[in-house]
C-alpha atoms as a PDB file:
ATOM      1  CA  MET A   1      23.010  12.201  49.450  1.00  0.00           C
ATOM      2  CA  PRO A   2      21.506   9.557  51.753  1.00  0.00           C
ATOM      3  CA  GLU A   3      17.822   9.078  50.981  1.00  0.00           C
ATOM      4  CA  LEU A   4      14.965   7.452  52.874  1.00  0.00           C
ATOM      5  CA  PRO A   5      16.318   3.857  52.815  1.00  0.00           C
ATOM      6  CA  GLU A   6      19.746   4.880  54.103  1.00  0.00           C
ATOM      7  CA  VAL A   7      18.336   7.088  56.873  1.00  0.00           C
ATOM      8  CA  GLU A   8      15.768   4.446  57.841  1.00  0.00           C
ATOM      9  CA  THR A   9      18.542   1.834  58.057  1.00  0.00           C
ATOM     10  CA  ILE A  10      20.459   4.050  60.479  1.00  0.00           C
ATOM     11  CA  ARG A  11      17.295   4.794  62.469  1.00  0.00           C
ATOM     12  CA  ARG A  12      16.600   1.115  63.036  1.00  0.00           C
ATOM     13  CA  ASP A  13      20.169   0.522  64.176  1.00  0.00           C
ATOM     14  CA  LEU A  14      20.063   3.539  66.507  1.00  0.00           C
ATOM     15  CA  ASP A  15      16.862   2.195  68.003  1.00  0.00           C
ATOM     16  CA  LYS A  16      18.749  -0.966  69.004  1.00  0.00           C
ATOM     17  CA  GLU A  17      21.954   0.716  70.140  1.00  0.00           C
ATOM     18  CA  ILE A  18      21.200   3.966  71.968  1.00  0.00           C
ATOM     19  CA  VAL A  19      17.580   4.088  73.150  1.00  0.00           C
ATOM     20  CA  GLY A  20      17.659   4.102  76.937  1.00  0.00           C
ATOM     21  CA  ARG A  21      21.295   5.298  77.026  1.00  0.00           C
ATOM     22  CA  LYS A  22      22.306   8.345  79.034  1.00  0.00           C
ATOM     23  CA  VAL A  23      24.628  10.904  77.467  1.00  0.00           C
ATOM     24  CA  LYS A  24      27.824  11.371  79.457  1.00  0.00           C
ATOM     25  CA  SER A  25      29.442  14.069  77.323  1.00  0.00           C
ATOM     26  CA  VAL A  26      29.214  15.910  74.013  1.00  0.00           C
ATOM     27  CA  GLU A  27      32.279  17.254  72.196  1.00  0.00           C
ATOM     28  CA  VAL A  28      32.074  19.628  69.217  1.00  0.00           C
ATOM     29  CA  PHE A  29      35.144  19.880  66.977  1.00  0.00           C
ATOM     30  CA  GLY A  30      33.546  21.620  64.003  1.00  0.00           C
ATOM     31  CA  ALA A  31      31.262  24.613  64.533  1.00  0.00           C
ATOM     32  CA  ARG A  32      29.790  24.373  61.015  1.00  0.00           C
ATOM     33  CA  SER A  33      28.198  21.025  61.892  1.00  0.00           C
ATOM     34  CA  VAL A  34      26.229  22.700  64.709  1.00  0.00           C
ATOM     35  CA  ARG A  35      25.729  26.002  62.875  1.00  0.00           C
ATOM     36  CA  ARG A  36      22.165  26.568  64.101  1.00  0.00           C
ATOM     37  CA  HIS A  37      23.708  27.156  67.530  1.00  0.00           C
ATOM     38  CA  PRO A  38      25.864  30.317  67.465  1.00  0.00           C
ATOM     39  CA  ASP A  39      27.374  29.029  70.703  1.00  0.00           C
ATOM     40  CA  PRO A  40      28.034  25.251  70.498  1.00  0.00           C
ATOM     41  CA  ALA A  41      27.944  25.184  74.299  1.00  0.00           C
ATOM     42  CA  GLU A  42      24.154  25.520  74.067  1.00  0.00           C
ATOM     43  CA  LEU A  43      23.852  22.201  72.228  1.00  0.00           C
ATOM     44  CA  VAL A  44      26.231  20.551  74.683  1.00  0.00           C
ATOM     45  CA  ALA A  45      24.269  21.806  77.691  1.00  0.00           C
ATOM     46  CA  ARG A  46      20.908  20.631  76.320  1.00  0.00           C
ATOM     47  CA  VAL A  47      22.099  17.127  75.402  1.00  0.00           C
ATOM     48  CA  GLN A  48      24.674  16.284  78.069  1.00  0.00           C
ATOM     49  CA  GLY A  49      23.225  14.281  80.966  1.00  0.00           C
ATOM     50  CA  ARG A  50      20.041  13.427  79.032  1.00  0.00           C
ATOM     51  CA  LYS A  51      18.713   9.985  78.190  1.00  0.00           C
ATOM     52  CA  VAL A  52      17.667   9.013  74.649  1.00  0.00           C
ATOM     53  CA  THR A  53      14.069   7.793  74.867  1.00  0.00           C
ATOM     54  CA  GLY A  54      13.366   7.155  71.189  1.00  0.00           C
ATOM     55  CA  VAL A  55      14.560   7.566  67.614  1.00  0.00           C
ATOM     56  CA  ARG A  56      12.338   8.716  64.750  1.00  0.00           C
ATOM     57  CA  ARG A  57      12.801   9.550  61.084  1.00  0.00           C
ATOM     58  CA  THR A  58      11.150  12.530  59.438  1.00  0.00           C
ATOM     59  CA  GLY A  59      11.909  12.418  55.723  1.00  0.00           C
ATOM     60  CA  LYS A  60      15.711  12.398  55.522  1.00  0.00           C
ATOM     61  CA  TYR A  61      16.101  13.701  59.099  1.00  0.00           C
ATOM     62  CA  LEU A  62      16.791  11.641  62.234  1.00  0.00           C
ATOM     63  CA  VAL A  63      15.082  12.835  65.408  1.00  0.00           C
ATOM     64  CA  LEU A  64      16.429  11.607  68.747  1.00  0.00           C
ATOM     65  CA  ASP A  65      13.945  12.117  71.571  1.00  0.00           C
ATOM     66  CA  LEU A  66      15.512  13.131  74.898  1.00  0.00           C
ATOM     67  CA  ASP A  67      14.071  12.777  78.404  1.00  0.00           C
ATOM     68  CA  SER A  68      13.439  16.503  78.426  1.00  0.00           C
ATOM     69  CA  ALA A  69      11.326  18.692  76.194  1.00  0.00           C
ATOM     70  CA  ASP A  70      14.088  18.621  73.563  1.00  0.00           C
ATOM     71  CA  VAL A  71      15.067  16.545  70.550  1.00  0.00           C
ATOM     72  CA  LEU A  72      18.446  16.152  68.870  1.00  0.00           C
ATOM     73  CA  VAL A  73      18.020  16.397  65.092  1.00  0.00           C
ATOM     74  CA  VAL A  74      20.578  14.926  62.687  1.00  0.00           C
ATOM     75  CA  HIS A  75      20.729  15.601  58.956  1.00  0.00           C
ATOM     76  CA  LEU A  76      23.449  13.770  57.028  1.00  0.00           C
ATOM     77  CA  GLY A  77      23.576  16.218  54.123  1.00  0.00           C
ATOM     78  CA  MET A  78      25.682  15.125  51.151  1.00  0.00           C
ATOM     79  CA  SER A  79      28.416  13.115  52.833  1.00  0.00           C
ATOM     80  CA  GLY A  80      27.553  12.801  56.520  1.00  0.00           C
ATOM     81  CA  GLN A  81      28.012   9.576  58.459  1.00  0.00           C
ATOM     82  CA  LEU A  82      26.685   8.730  61.894  1.00  0.00           C
ATOM     83  CA  LEU A  83      28.889   5.988  63.340  1.00  0.00           C
ATOM     84  CA  HIS A  84      28.560   3.972  66.541  1.00  0.00           C
ATOM     85  CA  VAL A  85      31.664   2.584  68.221  1.00  0.00           C
ATOM     86  CA  ARG A  86      31.797   0.385  71.310  1.00  0.00           C
ATOM     87  CA  SER A  87      34.893   1.971  72.829  1.00  0.00           C
ATOM     88  CA  ALA A  88      35.865   5.623  73.149  1.00  0.00           C
ATOM     89  CA  LYS A  89      39.483   4.487  72.801  1.00  0.00           C
ATOM     90  CA  GLU A  90      39.030   3.834  69.078  1.00  0.00           C
ATOM     91  CA  PRO A  91      40.860   6.556  67.081  1.00  0.00           C
ATOM     92  CA  LEU A  92      38.659   9.335  65.725  1.00  0.00           C
ATOM     93  CA  PRO A  93      38.317   9.272  61.922  1.00  0.00           C
ATOM     94  CA  ARG A  94      39.114  12.286  59.776  1.00  0.00           C
ATOM     95  CA  HIS A  95      36.396  14.937  59.508  1.00  0.00           C
ATOM     96  CA  CYS A  96      34.803  13.893  62.806  1.00  0.00           C
ATOM     97  CA  HIS A  97      32.973  17.020  63.980  1.00  0.00           C
ATOM     98  CA  VAL A  98      30.789  15.877  66.886  1.00  0.00           C
ATOM     99  CA  VAL A  99      31.183  13.051  69.411  1.00  0.00           C
ATOM    100  CA  VAL A 100      28.424  11.943  71.786  1.00  0.00           C
ATOM    101  CA  THR A 101      29.682   9.631  74.533  1.00  0.00           C
ATOM    102  CA  PHE A 102      27.223   7.555  76.568  1.00  0.00           C
ATOM    103  CA  VAL A 103      27.604   6.477  80.183  1.00  0.00           C
ATOM    104  CA  THR A 104      27.401   2.926  78.835  1.00  0.00           C
ATOM    105  CA  GLY A 105      27.098   1.953  75.198  1.00  0.00           C
ATOM    106  CA  GLY A 106      30.081   3.597  73.514  1.00  0.00           C
ATOM    107  CA  GLN A 107      29.956   6.689  71.302  1.00  0.00           C
ATOM    108  CA  LEU A 108      28.134   8.250  68.379  1.00  0.00           C
ATOM    109  CA  ARG A 109      30.450  10.065  65.982  1.00  0.00           C
ATOM    110  CA  PHE A 110      29.278  12.509  63.331  1.00  0.00           C
ATOM    111  CA  VAL A 111      31.680  12.461  60.389  1.00  0.00           C
ATOM    112  CA  ASP A 112      31.153  14.799  57.436  1.00  0.00           C
ATOM    113  CA  PRO A 113      33.919  15.664  54.918  1.00  0.00           C
ATOM    114  CA  ARG A 114      31.823  18.214  53.007  1.00  0.00           C
ATOM    115  CA  THR A 115      30.075  19.680  56.090  1.00  0.00           C
ATOM    116  CA  PHE A 116      26.646  20.054  54.474  1.00  0.00           C
ATOM    117  CA  GLY A 117      25.122  17.917  57.226  1.00  0.00           C
ATOM    118  CA  GLU A 118      24.313  19.155  60.711  1.00  0.00           C
ATOM    119  CA  LEU A 119      23.177  18.425  64.261  1.00  0.00           C
ATOM    120  CA  PHE A 120      20.983  20.728  66.308  1.00  0.00           C
ATOM    121  CA  VAL A 121      18.708  20.709  69.324  1.00  0.00           C
ATOM    122  CA  ALA A 122      15.109  21.856  69.119  1.00  0.00           C
ATOM    123  CA  GLY A 123      12.092  21.823  71.366  1.00  0.00           C
ATOM    124  CA  GLY A 124      10.184  18.601  70.770  1.00  0.00           C
ATOM    125  CA  GLY A 125       6.787  20.270  71.027  1.00  0.00           C
ATOM    126  CA  SER A 126       7.654  23.022  68.567  1.00  0.00           C
ATOM    127  CA  LEU A 127       9.857  21.145  66.110  1.00  0.00           C
ATOM    128  CA  ALA A 128       7.790  22.141  63.075  1.00  0.00           C
ATOM    129  CA  GLU A 129       7.935  25.801  64.107  1.00  0.00           C
ATOM    130  CA  GLU A 130      11.682  25.801  64.766  1.00  0.00           C
ATOM    131  CA  VAL A 131      12.542  23.824  61.634  1.00  0.00           C
ATOM    132  CA  PRO A 132      10.387  25.075  58.721  1.00  0.00           C
ATOM    133  CA  GLU A 133      11.768  22.499  56.280  1.00  0.00           C
ATOM    134  CA  LEU A 134      10.199  19.765  58.401  1.00  0.00           C
ATOM    135  CA  ALA A 135       6.843  21.522  58.671  1.00  0.00           C
ATOM    136  CA  HIS A 136       6.170  21.276  54.941  1.00  0.00           C
ATOM    137  CA  LEU A 137       7.195  17.676  54.255  1.00  0.00           C
ATOM    138  CA  GLY A 138       4.826  15.530  52.225  1.00  0.00           C
ATOM    139  CA  PHE A 139       3.645  12.046  53.112  1.00  0.00           C
ATOM    140  CA  ASP A 140       6.112   9.340  54.107  1.00  0.00           C
ATOM    141  CA  PRO A 141       5.961   6.468  51.581  1.00  0.00           C
ATOM    142  CA  ILE A 142       6.957   3.874  54.203  1.00  0.00           C
ATOM    143  CA  LEU A 143       5.104   5.113  57.276  1.00  0.00           C
ATOM    144  CA  ASP A 144       1.975   6.654  55.760  1.00  0.00           C
ATOM    145  CA  VAL A 145       0.203   3.671  54.243  1.00  0.00           C
ATOM    146  CA  MET A 146      -2.615   4.618  51.891  1.00  0.00           C
ATOM    147  CA  SER A 147      -4.702   3.064  49.145  1.00  0.00           C
ATOM    148  CA  TRP A 148      -3.589   3.486  45.564  1.00  0.00           C
ATOM    149  CA  ALA A 149      -6.851   5.420  44.994  1.00  0.00           C
ATOM    150  CA  ALA A 150      -5.880   7.926  47.689  1.00  0.00           C
ATOM    151  CA  PHE A 151      -2.465   8.229  46.064  1.00  0.00           C
ATOM    152  CA  GLY A 152      -4.179   8.869  42.750  1.00  0.00           C
ATOM    153  CA  GLN A 153      -6.083  11.755  44.325  1.00  0.00           C
ATOM    154  CA  LEU A 154      -2.764  13.311  45.337  1.00  0.00           C
ATOM    155  CA  LEU A 155      -1.614  13.105  41.713  1.00  0.00           C
ATOM    156  CA  ALA A 156      -4.857  14.456  40.246  1.00  0.00           C
ATOM    157  CA  GLY A 157      -4.544  17.929  38.805  1.00  0.00           C
ATOM    158  CA  ARG A 158      -0.746  17.941  38.986  1.00  0.00           C
ATOM    159  CA  HIS A 159       0.804  18.483  35.564  1.00  0.00           C
ATOM    160  CA  THR A 160       4.308  18.181  37.027  1.00  0.00           C
ATOM    161  CA  ALA A 161       6.743  15.672  35.488  1.00  0.00           C
ATOM    162  CA  LEU A 162       6.923  12.493  37.575  1.00  0.00           C
ATOM    163  CA  LYS A 163      10.638  12.716  38.386  1.00  0.00           C
ATOM    164  CA  VAL A 164      10.275  16.290  39.576  1.00  0.00           C
ATOM    165  CA  LEU A 165       7.219  15.402  41.672  1.00  0.00           C
ATOM    166  CA  LEU A 166       8.809  12.342  43.312  1.00  0.00           C
ATOM    167  CA  THR A 167      11.842  14.370  44.390  1.00  0.00           C
ATOM    168  CA  ASP A 168       9.730  17.257  45.714  1.00  0.00           C
ATOM    169  CA  GLN A 169       9.941  16.856  49.496  1.00  0.00           C
ATOM    170  CA  ARG A 170       6.710  18.825  49.881  1.00  0.00           C
ATOM    171  CA  PHE A 171       4.872  16.085  47.973  1.00  0.00           C
ATOM    172  CA  VAL A 172       6.584  12.943  49.263  1.00  0.00           C
ATOM    173  CA  ALA A 173       9.323  12.916  51.896  1.00  0.00           C
ATOM    174  CA  GLY A 174      12.623  11.088  51.567  1.00  0.00           C
ATOM    175  CA  ILE A 175      12.957  10.250  47.864  1.00  0.00           C
ATOM    176  CA  GLY A 176      15.924  11.629  45.940  1.00  0.00           C
ATOM    177  CA  ASN A 177      17.650  11.081  42.619  1.00  0.00           C
ATOM    178  CA  ILE A 178      18.561   7.405  43.057  1.00  0.00           C
ATOM    179  CA  TYR A 179      15.236   6.028  44.159  1.00  0.00           C
ATOM    180  CA  ALA A 180      13.094   8.214  41.905  1.00  0.00           C
ATOM    181  CA  ASP A 181      14.840   6.623  38.894  1.00  0.00           C
ATOM    182  CA  GLU A 182      14.513   3.117  40.304  1.00  0.00           C
ATOM    183  CA  ILE A 183      10.851   3.590  41.217  1.00  0.00           C
ATOM    184  CA  LEU A 184       9.941   4.928  37.776  1.00  0.00           C
ATOM    185  CA  PHE A 185      11.733   2.046  36.064  1.00  0.00           C
ATOM    186  CA  ALA A 186       9.914  -0.495  38.220  1.00  0.00           C
ATOM    187  CA  ALA A 187       6.628   1.226  37.350  1.00  0.00           C
ATOM    188  CA  GLY A 188       7.461   1.371  33.619  1.00  0.00           C
ATOM    189  CA  LEU A 189       6.961   5.151  33.505  1.00  0.00           C
ATOM    190  CA  ARG A 190       9.126   7.853  31.934  1.00  0.00           C
ATOM    191  CA  TYR A 191      10.629  10.563  34.109  1.00  0.00           C
ATOM    192  CA  ASP A 192       8.923  13.336  32.083  1.00  0.00           C
ATOM    193  CA  ARG A 193       5.373  11.957  32.085  1.00  0.00           C
ATOM    194  CA  PRO A 194       2.972  14.525  33.574  1.00  0.00           C
ATOM    195  CA  ALA A 195       1.520  13.179  36.806  1.00  0.00           C
ATOM    196  CA  ASP A 196      -2.033  13.895  35.696  1.00  0.00           C
ATOM    197  CA  SER A 197      -1.609  11.799  32.531  1.00  0.00           C
ATOM    198  CA  LEU A 198      -1.488   8.439  34.350  1.00  0.00           C
ATOM    199  CA  SER A 199      -4.234   5.888  33.924  1.00  0.00           C
ATOM    200  CA  PRO A 200      -5.672   4.180  37.056  1.00  0.00           C
ATOM    201  CA  GLN A 201      -3.535   1.126  36.280  1.00  0.00           C
ATOM    202  CA  GLU A 202      -0.394   3.279  36.006  1.00  0.00           C
ATOM    203  CA  VAL A 203      -1.207   5.044  39.283  1.00  0.00           C
ATOM    204  CA  ARG A 204      -1.494   1.648  40.948  1.00  0.00           C
ATOM    205  CA  ARG A 205       1.830   0.516  39.440  1.00  0.00           C
ATOM    206  CA  LEU A 206       3.599   3.681  40.544  1.00  0.00           C
ATOM    207  CA  TYR A 207       2.383   3.445  44.131  1.00  0.00           C
ATOM    208  CA  ARG A 208       3.259  -0.249  44.388  1.00  0.00           C
ATOM    209  CA  SER A 209       6.702   0.346  42.859  1.00  0.00           C
ATOM    210  CA  MET A 210       7.409   3.207  45.253  1.00  0.00           C
ATOM    211  CA  VAL A 211       6.589   1.192  48.365  1.00  0.00           C
ATOM    212  CA  GLU A 212       8.273  -2.012  47.167  1.00  0.00           C
ATOM    213  CA  THR A 213      11.466  -0.337  45.898  1.00  0.00           C
ATOM    214  CA  LEU A 214      12.008   1.629  49.092  1.00  0.00           C
ATOM    215  CA  SER A 215      11.193  -1.346  51.324  1.00  0.00           C
ATOM    216  CA  ASP A 216      13.561  -3.575  49.379  1.00  0.00           C
ATOM    217  CA  ALA A 217      16.314  -0.960  49.622  1.00  0.00           C
ATOM    218  CA  VAL A 218      15.904  -0.843  53.405  1.00  0.00           C
ATOM    219  CA  LYS A 219      16.198  -4.642  53.538  1.00  0.00           C
ATOM    220  CA  HIS A 220      19.489  -4.324  51.630  1.00  0.00           C
ATOM    221  CA  ARG A 221      20.618  -1.567  54.061  1.00  0.00           C
ATOM    222  CA  GLY A 222      20.644   1.188  51.451  1.00  0.00           C
ATOM    223  CA  SER A 223      22.839   2.076  48.491  1.00  0.00           C
ATOM    224  CA  SER A 224      26.541   2.907  48.633  1.00  0.00           C
ATOM    225  CA  LEU A 225      27.783   4.350  45.353  1.00  0.00           C
ATOM    226  CA  ALA A 226      31.312   4.292  43.938  1.00  0.00           C
ATOM    227  CA  ASP A 227      32.608   6.817  46.493  1.00  0.00           C
ATOM    228  CA  GLU A 228      31.204   4.656  49.322  1.00  0.00           C
ATOM    229  CA  GLN A 229      30.439   7.801  51.316  1.00  0.00           C
ATOM    230  CA  TYR A 230      27.229   6.308  52.651  1.00  0.00           C
ATOM    231  CA  ARG A 231      28.011   3.996  55.561  1.00  0.00           C
ATOM    232  CA  ASP A 232      25.585   2.498  58.031  1.00  0.00           C
ATOM    233  CA  LEU A 233      25.836   2.953  61.798  1.00  0.00           C
ATOM    234  CA  TYR A 234      28.603   0.363  61.969  1.00  0.00           C
ATOM    235  CA  GLY A 235      30.677   1.802  59.131  1.00  0.00           C
ATOM    236  CA  GLU A 236      29.573  -0.815  56.588  1.00  0.00           C
ATOM    237  CA  VAL A 237      28.487  -0.073  53.015  1.00  0.00           C
ATOM    238  CA  GLY A 238      24.954  -0.755  51.817  1.00  0.00           C
ATOM    239  CA  ASP A 239      24.064  -3.547  49.411  1.00  0.00           C
ATOM    240  CA  PHE A 240      21.205  -2.209  47.277  1.00  0.00           C
ATOM    241  CA  GLN A 241      23.461  -0.678  44.613  1.00  0.00           C
ATOM    242  CA  GLY A 242      23.831  -4.190  43.214  1.00  0.00           C
ATOM    243  CA  GLN A 243      20.074  -4.197  42.609  1.00  0.00           C
ATOM    244  CA  HIS A 244      19.965  -0.897  40.690  1.00  0.00           C
ATOM    245  CA  GLN A 245      18.217  -1.348  37.357  1.00  0.00           C
ATOM    246  CA  VAL A 246      18.944   2.045  35.784  1.00  0.00           C
ATOM    247  CA  TYR A 247      20.703   4.439  38.165  1.00  0.00           C
ATOM    248  CA  GLU A 248      24.241   5.216  36.904  1.00  0.00           C
ATOM    249  CA  ARG A 249      23.910   2.489  34.254  1.00  0.00           C
ATOM    250  CA  ALA A 250      23.872   4.747  31.163  1.00  0.00           C
ATOM    251  CA  GLY A 251      25.218   2.900  28.120  1.00  0.00           C
ATOM    252  CA  GLN A 252      24.677  -0.519  29.693  1.00  0.00           C
ATOM    253  CA  ALA A 253      22.045  -3.033  28.667  1.00  0.00           C
ATOM    254  CA  CYS A 254      18.647  -2.904  30.354  1.00  0.00           C
ATOM    255  CA  ARG A 255      18.289  -6.002  32.485  1.00  0.00           C
ATOM    256  CA  ARG A 256      14.666  -6.348  31.384  1.00  0.00           C
ATOM    257  CA  CYS A 257      14.746  -5.798  27.608  1.00  0.00           C
ATOM    258  CA  ARG A 258      18.489  -5.473  26.758  1.00  0.00           C
ATOM    259  CA  HIS A 259      18.005  -2.003  25.232  1.00  0.00           C
ATOM    260  CA  THR A 260      20.683   0.557  26.149  1.00  0.00           C
ATOM    261  CA  ILE A 261      20.005   2.623  29.288  1.00  0.00           C
ATOM    262  CA  SER A 262      19.741   6.362  28.514  1.00  0.00           C
ATOM    263  CA  ARG A 263      20.648   9.431  30.524  1.00  0.00           C
ATOM    264  CA  ALA A 264      18.901  12.826  30.535  1.00  0.00           C
ATOM    265  CA  LYS A 265      19.188  15.986  32.624  1.00  0.00           C
ATOM    266  CA  VAL A 266      16.399  17.034  34.992  1.00  0.00           C
ATOM    267  CA  ASN A 267      16.927  20.209  37.016  1.00  0.00           C
ATOM    268  CA  GLY A 268      20.667  19.917  36.398  1.00  0.00           C
ATOM    269  CA  ARG A 269      20.909  16.325  37.655  1.00  0.00           C
ATOM    270  CA  SER A 270      21.288  13.099  35.716  1.00  0.00           C
ATOM    271  CA  THR A 271      18.254  10.885  35.188  1.00  0.00           C
ATOM    272  CA  PHE A 272      18.599   7.276  34.048  1.00  0.00           C
ATOM    273  CA  PHE A 273      15.874   5.351  32.231  1.00  0.00           C
ATOM    274  CA  CYS A 274      15.073   2.780  29.545  1.00  0.00           C
ATOM    275  CA  GLU A 275      13.468   4.138  26.385  1.00  0.00           C
ATOM    276  CA  ARG A 276      11.687   0.835  25.722  1.00  0.00           C
ATOM    277  CA  CYS A 277      10.528  -0.193  29.182  1.00  0.00           C
ATOM    278  CA  GLN A 278       9.344   3.219  30.327  1.00  0.00           C
ATOM    279  CA  VAL A 279       6.513   4.999  28.521  1.00  0.00           C
END
């Protein structure tokens, strides 16, 4: 599933490509991708003819501001891709469920083989009310800059294991399985350490590792794993997977100490870590 760095990469590209563009038409080929609208014609009517005035990211969600009271929200789900093409004459790829054509500036195509992702329109002023999952998001580790002491206060009194806490969207928005493992390795902390057991120095390391790992991943345009399902706005794979220190490296040598990378299960999902480097 695309996480914060992948969604932020797409947001920055959308900001360059579609802000200021007017929507000429919207075509829906798969009703499941617009499932919050029982009648897909509602989405079409609220987006068609509107101009995109801005693009934001809220956790793992993209929010396209329209020159009305509405926003177009995009969630990529497990396998969704949002692709920009210059010409509408380019053949549609398989599993293309929604196409947004601009008066000038080509098309946006929403491609999603597994159909867990979605697009929907909501009122911009009542987005949190209409979309409860957005109302309860935690802080954004890229946008909401804070001191490490303030971060430590958020951890205080939480006996939750670090991996579980980092992937809890109500605590911090946008981090998933990949980057939680990479952040904890960079901080030298085990996935099962209780959050309230960290020393001030460890709190500082964790906060710095979180910000630096995510920022570096954005610079590398995200991570594309073996299935290469994550693609950026132009259909290209990310580059950060080559920088992974532990994720999906079980049985391989740790690049820091040469000990073998281990794998454990947390909430039914694989967790990768180094027994020596992480305490």
